[in-house]
Amino acid sequence: MSTPLQLEMETLLREAFEPLHLEVINDSAKHRGHSGDDGSGESHFTVAIESAAFAGKSRLERQRMVNRALGDIPGNRVHALAIRAFAPGTRQ
């Protein structure tokens, strides 16, 4: 079952990148009781996204694009966000 923040992240990323593939995975349960766990069940996420918007961009540029699209979520509303962003035909 998706959480409210997970759904919000999916919506923002779909609007920004029109992805061919998108997964927003809530990893919070794996980090329960660890640093950064605020008890909300929405503290740690992984994003896997494939979009033509990432073509020709470096890994750092792709990560910055995703962070920008998510606004105040990374580092403010979410403690940890792992990003795997790639262009079609690449998995780097």
N, C-alpha and C. Protein backbone atom coordinates (compact mmCIF):
# COMPACT_ATOMS: atom_id res chain seq x y z
N MET A 1 0.84 -1.18 0.00
CA MET A 1 0.00 0.00 0.00
C MET A 1 0.89 1.25 0.00
N SER A 2 0.58 2.18 -0.83
CA SER A 2 1.35 3.41 -0.94
C SER A 2 0.98 4.37 0.18
N THR A 3 1.98 5.14 0.60
CA THR A 3 1.77 6.16 1.62
C THR A 3 1.47 7.50 0.94
N PRO A 4 0.91 8.47 1.68
CA PRO A 4 0.61 9.77 1.07
C PRO A 4 1.85 10.44 0.45
N LEU A 5 2.97 10.41 1.15
CA LEU A 5 4.17 11.05 0.62
C LEU A 5 4.69 10.31 -0.60
N GLN A 6 4.60 9.01 -0.59
CA GLN A 6 5.01 8.20 -1.74
C GLN A 6 4.18 8.58 -2.97
N LEU A 7 2.89 8.71 -2.81
CA LEU A 7 2.00 9.11 -3.92
C LEU A 7 2.32 10.52 -4.39
N GLU A 8 2.61 11.42 -3.47
CA GLU A 8 2.97 12.79 -3.85
C GLU A 8 4.25 12.80 -4.68
N MET A 9 5.23 12.02 -4.25
CA MET A 9 6.48 11.95 -4.99
C MET A 9 6.26 11.38 -6.40
N GLU A 10 5.46 10.33 -6.50
CA GLU A 10 5.15 9.75 -7.81
C GLU A 10 4.49 10.78 -8.73
N THR A 11 3.55 11.53 -8.20
CA THR A 11 2.85 12.55 -8.99
C THR A 11 3.82 13.61 -9.48
N LEU A 12 4.66 14.13 -8.59
CA LEU A 12 5.62 15.16 -8.97
C LEU A 12 6.59 14.66 -10.04
N LEU A 13 7.06 13.45 -9.90
CA LEU A 13 8.02 12.90 -10.86
C LEU A 13 7.36 12.60 -12.21
N ARG A 14 6.13 12.12 -12.19
CA ARG A 14 5.42 11.89 -13.46
C ARG A 14 5.19 13.20 -14.20
N GLU A 15 4.82 14.24 -13.48
CA GLU A 15 4.58 15.55 -14.11
C GLU A 15 5.86 16.15 -14.67
N ALA A 16 6.97 15.98 -13.95
CA ALA A 16 8.23 16.60 -14.36
C ALA A 16 8.93 15.86 -15.49
N PHE A 17 8.81 14.52 -15.53
CA PHE A 17 9.65 13.74 -16.43
C PHE A 17 8.92 12.82 -17.41
N GLU A 18 7.63 12.65 -17.28
CA GLU A 18 6.89 11.71 -18.13
C GLU A 18 7.69 10.41 -18.29
N PRO A 19 7.97 9.74 -17.18
CA PRO A 19 8.87 8.59 -17.21
C PRO A 19 8.30 7.37 -17.94
N LEU A 20 9.21 6.62 -18.53
CA LEU A 20 8.86 5.33 -19.12
C LEU A 20 8.73 4.28 -18.02
N HIS A 21 9.48 4.49 -16.95
CA HIS A 21 9.47 3.59 -15.80
C HIS A 21 9.63 4.44 -14.55
N LEU A 22 8.85 4.14 -13.51
CA LEU A 22 8.97 4.86 -12.25
C LEU A 22 8.61 3.93 -11.10
N GLU A 23 9.50 3.88 -10.13
CA GLU A 23 9.23 3.19 -8.88
C GLU A 23 9.63 4.12 -7.75
N VAL A 24 8.73 4.34 -6.83
CA VAL A 24 9.05 5.06 -5.60
C VAL A 24 8.82 4.05 -4.48
N ILE A 25 9.91 3.63 -3.87
CA ILE A 25 9.88 2.55 -2.90
C ILE A 25 10.09 3.11 -1.50
N ASN A 26 9.17 2.80 -0.61
CA ASN A 26 9.28 3.24 0.78
C ASN A 26 10.15 2.23 1.53
N ASP A 27 11.36 2.66 1.89
CA ASP A 27 12.31 1.82 2.61
C ASP A 27 12.30 2.07 4.11
N SER A 28 11.36 2.84 4.59
CA SER A 28 11.37 3.29 5.98
C SER A 28 11.37 2.15 6.98
N ALA A 29 10.66 1.09 6.72
CA ALA A 29 10.58 -0.03 7.66
C ALA A 29 11.96 -0.64 7.91
N LYS A 30 12.83 -0.61 6.91
CA LYS A 30 14.18 -1.15 7.06
C LYS A 30 15.03 -0.31 8.00
N HIS A 31 14.61 0.93 8.24
CA HIS A 31 15.40 1.88 9.03
C HIS A 31 14.73 2.24 10.36
N ARG A 32 13.71 1.50 10.73
CA ARG A 32 13.00 1.78 11.97
C ARG A 32 13.97 1.76 13.15
N GLY A 33 13.93 2.82 13.93
CA GLY A 33 14.80 2.93 15.10
C GLY A 33 16.18 3.47 14.81
N HIS A 34 16.52 3.66 13.55
CA HIS A 34 17.83 4.19 13.17
C HIS A 34 17.79 5.71 13.13
N SER A 35 18.94 6.30 12.96
CA SER A 35 19.05 7.75 12.81
C SER A 35 18.19 8.22 11.64
N GLY A 36 17.45 9.26 11.85
CA GLY A 36 16.62 9.82 10.80
C GLY A 36 15.22 9.26 10.75
N ASP A 37 14.96 8.18 11.48
CA ASP A 37 13.60 7.62 11.53
C ASP A 37 12.78 8.48 12.48
N ASP A 38 11.80 9.16 11.92
CA ASP A 38 10.96 10.05 12.73
C ASP A 38 9.69 9.36 13.22
N GLY A 39 9.54 8.08 12.92
CA GLY A 39 8.36 7.33 13.35
C GLY A 39 7.16 7.48 12.44
N SER A 40 7.28 8.26 11.38
CA SER A 40 6.15 8.50 10.48
C SER A 40 5.94 7.36 9.50
N GLY A 41 6.96 6.54 9.31
CA GLY A 41 6.90 5.50 8.29
C GLY A 41 7.16 6.05 6.90
N GLU A 42 7.62 7.31 6.84
CA GLU A 42 7.91 7.96 5.55
C GLU A 42 9.23 8.73 5.64
N SER A 43 10.28 8.05 6.07
CA SER A 43 11.55 8.74 6.28
C SER A 43 12.63 8.36 5.26
N HIS A 44 12.53 7.18 4.65
CA HIS A 44 13.56 6.68 3.74
C HIS A 44 12.90 6.14 2.47
N PHE A 45 13.37 6.62 1.31
CA PHE A 45 12.79 6.19 0.03
C PHE A 45 13.88 5.91 -0.99
N THR A 46 13.54 5.10 -1.98
CA THR A 46 14.35 4.89 -3.17
C THR A 46 13.50 5.24 -4.38
N VAL A 47 14.07 5.99 -5.30
CA VAL A 47 13.40 6.33 -6.56
C VAL A 47 14.20 5.69 -7.69
N ALA A 48 13.52 4.94 -8.52
CA ALA A 48 14.10 4.41 -9.76
C ALA A 48 13.26 4.98 -10.90
N ILE A 49 13.89 5.75 -11.77
CA ILE A 49 13.15 6.45 -12.81
C ILE A 49 13.92 6.42 -14.13
N GLU A 50 13.19 6.15 -15.21
CA GLU A 50 13.74 6.16 -16.56
C GLU A 50 12.97 7.19 -17.38
N SER A 51 13.70 8.14 -17.94
CA SER A 51 13.06 9.20 -18.71
C SER A 51 14.01 9.74 -19.78
N ALA A 52 13.44 10.10 -20.91
CA ALA A 52 14.23 10.72 -21.98
C ALA A 52 14.84 12.04 -21.52
N ALA A 53 14.27 12.66 -20.50
CA ALA A 53 14.79 13.93 -19.99
C ALA A 53 16.22 13.79 -19.44
N PHE A 54 16.63 12.56 -19.14
CA PHE A 54 17.95 12.34 -18.58
C PHE A 54 19.02 12.05 -19.63
N ALA A 55 18.65 11.99 -20.88
CA ALA A 55 19.60 11.70 -21.96
C ALA A 55 20.71 12.74 -21.98
N GLY A 56 21.95 12.27 -22.03
CA GLY A 56 23.09 13.17 -22.11
C GLY A 56 23.47 13.84 -20.81
N LYS A 57 22.80 13.50 -19.72
CA LYS A 57 23.08 14.12 -18.42
C LYS A 57 23.98 13.21 -17.59
N SER A 58 24.83 13.82 -16.80
CA SER A 58 25.67 13.04 -15.90
C SER A 58 24.81 12.51 -14.74
N ARG A 59 25.37 11.57 -14.01
CA ARG A 59 24.65 11.01 -12.85
C ARG A 59 24.28 12.12 -11.87
N LEU A 60 25.21 13.03 -11.60
CA LEU A 60 24.95 14.12 -10.67
C LEU A 60 23.84 15.04 -11.20
N GLU A 61 23.87 15.35 -12.49
CA GLU A 61 22.82 16.20 -13.08
C GLU A 61 21.45 15.53 -12.97
N ARG A 62 21.39 14.22 -13.22
CA ARG A 62 20.12 13.49 -13.11
C ARG A 62 19.59 13.54 -11.68
N GLN A 63 20.47 13.33 -10.70
CA GLN A 63 20.06 13.36 -9.30
C GLN A 63 19.57 14.75 -8.91
N ARG A 64 20.25 15.77 -9.38
CA ARG A 64 19.83 17.15 -9.08
C ARG A 64 18.47 17.45 -9.70
N MET A 65 18.24 16.94 -10.91
CA MET A 65 16.95 17.14 -11.57
C MET A 65 15.81 16.51 -10.76
N VAL A 66 16.05 15.31 -10.27
CA VAL A 66 15.03 14.62 -9.46
C VAL A 66 14.80 15.39 -8.16
N ASN A 67 15.87 15.77 -7.49
CA ASN A 67 15.73 16.54 -6.24
C ASN A 67 14.96 17.84 -6.46
N ARG A 68 15.26 18.54 -7.55
CA ARG A 68 14.55 19.78 -7.87
C ARG A 68 13.06 19.52 -8.08
N ALA A 69 12.75 18.47 -8.81
CA ALA A 69 11.34 18.14 -9.09
C ALA A 69 10.57 17.82 -7.81
N LEU A 70 11.27 17.29 -6.81
CA LEU A 70 10.61 16.91 -5.55
C LEU A 70 10.52 18.06 -4.56
N GLY A 71 11.07 19.21 -4.90
CA GLY A 71 10.92 20.41 -4.07
C GLY A 71 11.47 20.24 -2.67
N ASP A 72 10.62 20.47 -1.67
CA ASP A 72 11.07 20.44 -0.27
C ASP A 72 11.10 19.04 0.33
N ILE A 73 10.80 18.03 -0.45
CA ILE A 73 10.74 16.66 0.10
C ILE A 73 12.12 16.14 0.51
N PRO A 74 13.12 16.11 -0.38
CA PRO A 74 14.42 15.57 0.02
C PRO A 74 15.10 16.46 1.07
N GLY A 75 15.57 15.82 2.13
CA GLY A 75 16.30 16.55 3.16
C GLY A 75 15.45 17.34 4.12
N ASN A 76 14.19 17.50 3.82
CA ASN A 76 13.30 18.26 4.70
C ASN A 76 12.20 17.34 5.21
N ARG A 77 11.42 16.81 4.30
CA ARG A 77 10.31 15.93 4.67
C ARG A 77 10.71 14.46 4.64
N VAL A 78 11.83 14.15 3.98
CA VAL A 78 12.36 12.79 3.91
C VAL A 78 13.81 12.85 4.36
N HIS A 79 14.18 11.94 5.23
CA HIS A 79 15.55 11.92 5.76
C HIS A 79 16.55 11.42 4.72
N ALA A 80 16.19 10.36 3.99
CA ALA A 80 17.12 9.77 3.03
C ALA A 80 16.40 9.40 1.74
N LEU A 81 17.03 9.73 0.62
CA LEU A 81 16.47 9.44 -0.69
C LEU A 81 17.57 8.89 -1.60
N ALA A 82 17.43 7.64 -1.99
CA ALA A 82 18.35 7.04 -2.96
C ALA A 82 17.73 7.22 -4.33
N ILE A 83 18.53 7.69 -5.29
CA ILE A 83 18.02 7.98 -6.63
C ILE A 83 18.79 7.16 -7.67
N ARG A 84 18.04 6.42 -8.47
CA ARG A 84 18.59 5.72 -9.63
C ARG A 84 17.83 6.28 -10.84
N ALA A 85 18.43 7.25 -11.50
CA ALA A 85 17.80 7.92 -12.65
C ALA A 85 18.60 7.63 -13.90
N PHE A 86 17.92 7.23 -14.95
CA PHE A 86 18.62 6.88 -16.19
C PHE A 86 17.76 7.19 -17.40
N ALA A 87 18.45 7.34 -18.54
CA ALA A 87 17.78 7.57 -19.82
C ALA A 87 17.42 6.24 -20.43
N PRO A 88 16.47 6.22 -21.36
CA PRO A 88 16.11 4.96 -22.02
C PRO A 88 17.35 4.30 -22.66
N GLY A 89 17.44 3.00 -22.46
CA GLY A 89 18.54 2.25 -23.04
C GLY A 89 19.80 2.25 -22.22
N THR A 90 19.81 2.94 -21.09
CA THR A 90 20.97 2.95 -20.21
C THR A 90 20.54 2.53 -18.81
N ARG A 91 21.44 1.98 -18.08
CA ARG A 91 21.16 1.61 -16.67
C ARG A 91 22.36 1.97 -15.83
N GLN A 92 22.82 3.20 -15.98
CA GLN A 92 24.03 3.66 -15.27
C GLN A 92 23.67 4.67 -14.23
